[in-house]
Amino acid sequence: MKKKIDTVRVAPLAPYLGGKFRLSKRIISKIEQIPHKIYAEPFVGMGGIFLRRTQIPKAEIINDINGELVNLYRIVRRYPDTLYKETEFLFASRQEFERLLKTSPETLTDIERAARFLYLQSVAFGGKVTDQAFGVSIDRPARFDFVKLNDRIRAVGGRLASVTIERQDFETFIKRYDTNDTLFYLDPPYWGNETDYGKGVFTRADFERLRDCLMGIKGRFILSLNDTPQVRELFKNFTIEQTDVTYSISKTGCCNRSEVIISN
């Protein structure tokens, strides 16, 4: 039995490379058509799909190999007010951005570390995780607004109250939480963009490891990837649905990209 989420479509805390905003309605519709008691995401990122779902099953587990992201979720859930107070001292400034970018996370407390990561993700151009650059648009408000952040931190913190948060290799995570009642949603790095989340975080060989892992699970899965011949060949034994997504690349232009939603 699923219950409705009290808050409607909780927004992610900050932009994150690979977020599924344009595909979220389609993917969430598929998720909610599949009966499940356990929902699990091995590559949760900033929770673009997780937070926008409208039903909660009996158990939810999220996972990411990025330690900064996992620390942020832990602090948002346990110390939302303290985290918000920490962000009050931050502002949208190139100098502040570069200062925090150069600051080693290991020299900070967990709360300072969470605030640093949240700030950098909010301000960085394109929600990039590596090779971040200060993002600014002359015709838009600043990318970081700590006043608006207060409600968002509280909303996400409340949403995570009963959620298990892991930091494991995706294969270890899938095997640990796989049951007949589990539904996995997977959003790994796209083919050809394996290094966008850091060196060695996800490699080309991991696609094959992921496929082999999914071949043997008891539960159900939905996997989103970019549409390439290599992806289609690798996952040819599953159901592959092609979908077109339009991305804005300037004020006057856009581009269409083909993506696939893969399932068992």
Foldseek 3Di string as FASTA:
>chain_A
DKDFDPDAQQDFLFFAAQQCQQCQVVVLVVVVVDFFQEEEEADCTSNNNPRRHGIDHNAYEYEHQDPLVLLLLVCLQPPLPLLLVLLVVDDQDQVRLVVLVPDDLVVDDSSNSNNSQSVQQQQFPRSFQPPTHGDDDPPDDHSDDSVVSSVSSNVSNVVCNRHHYYNDDSLVVCVVPFDLRYEYEYEADAVVCNCRNHPPRGDPVVLLVVLVSVVPTNYKYKYKYFDDPVNCVSQVVWDKDKDKGWADDDPPDIDIGIMIITID
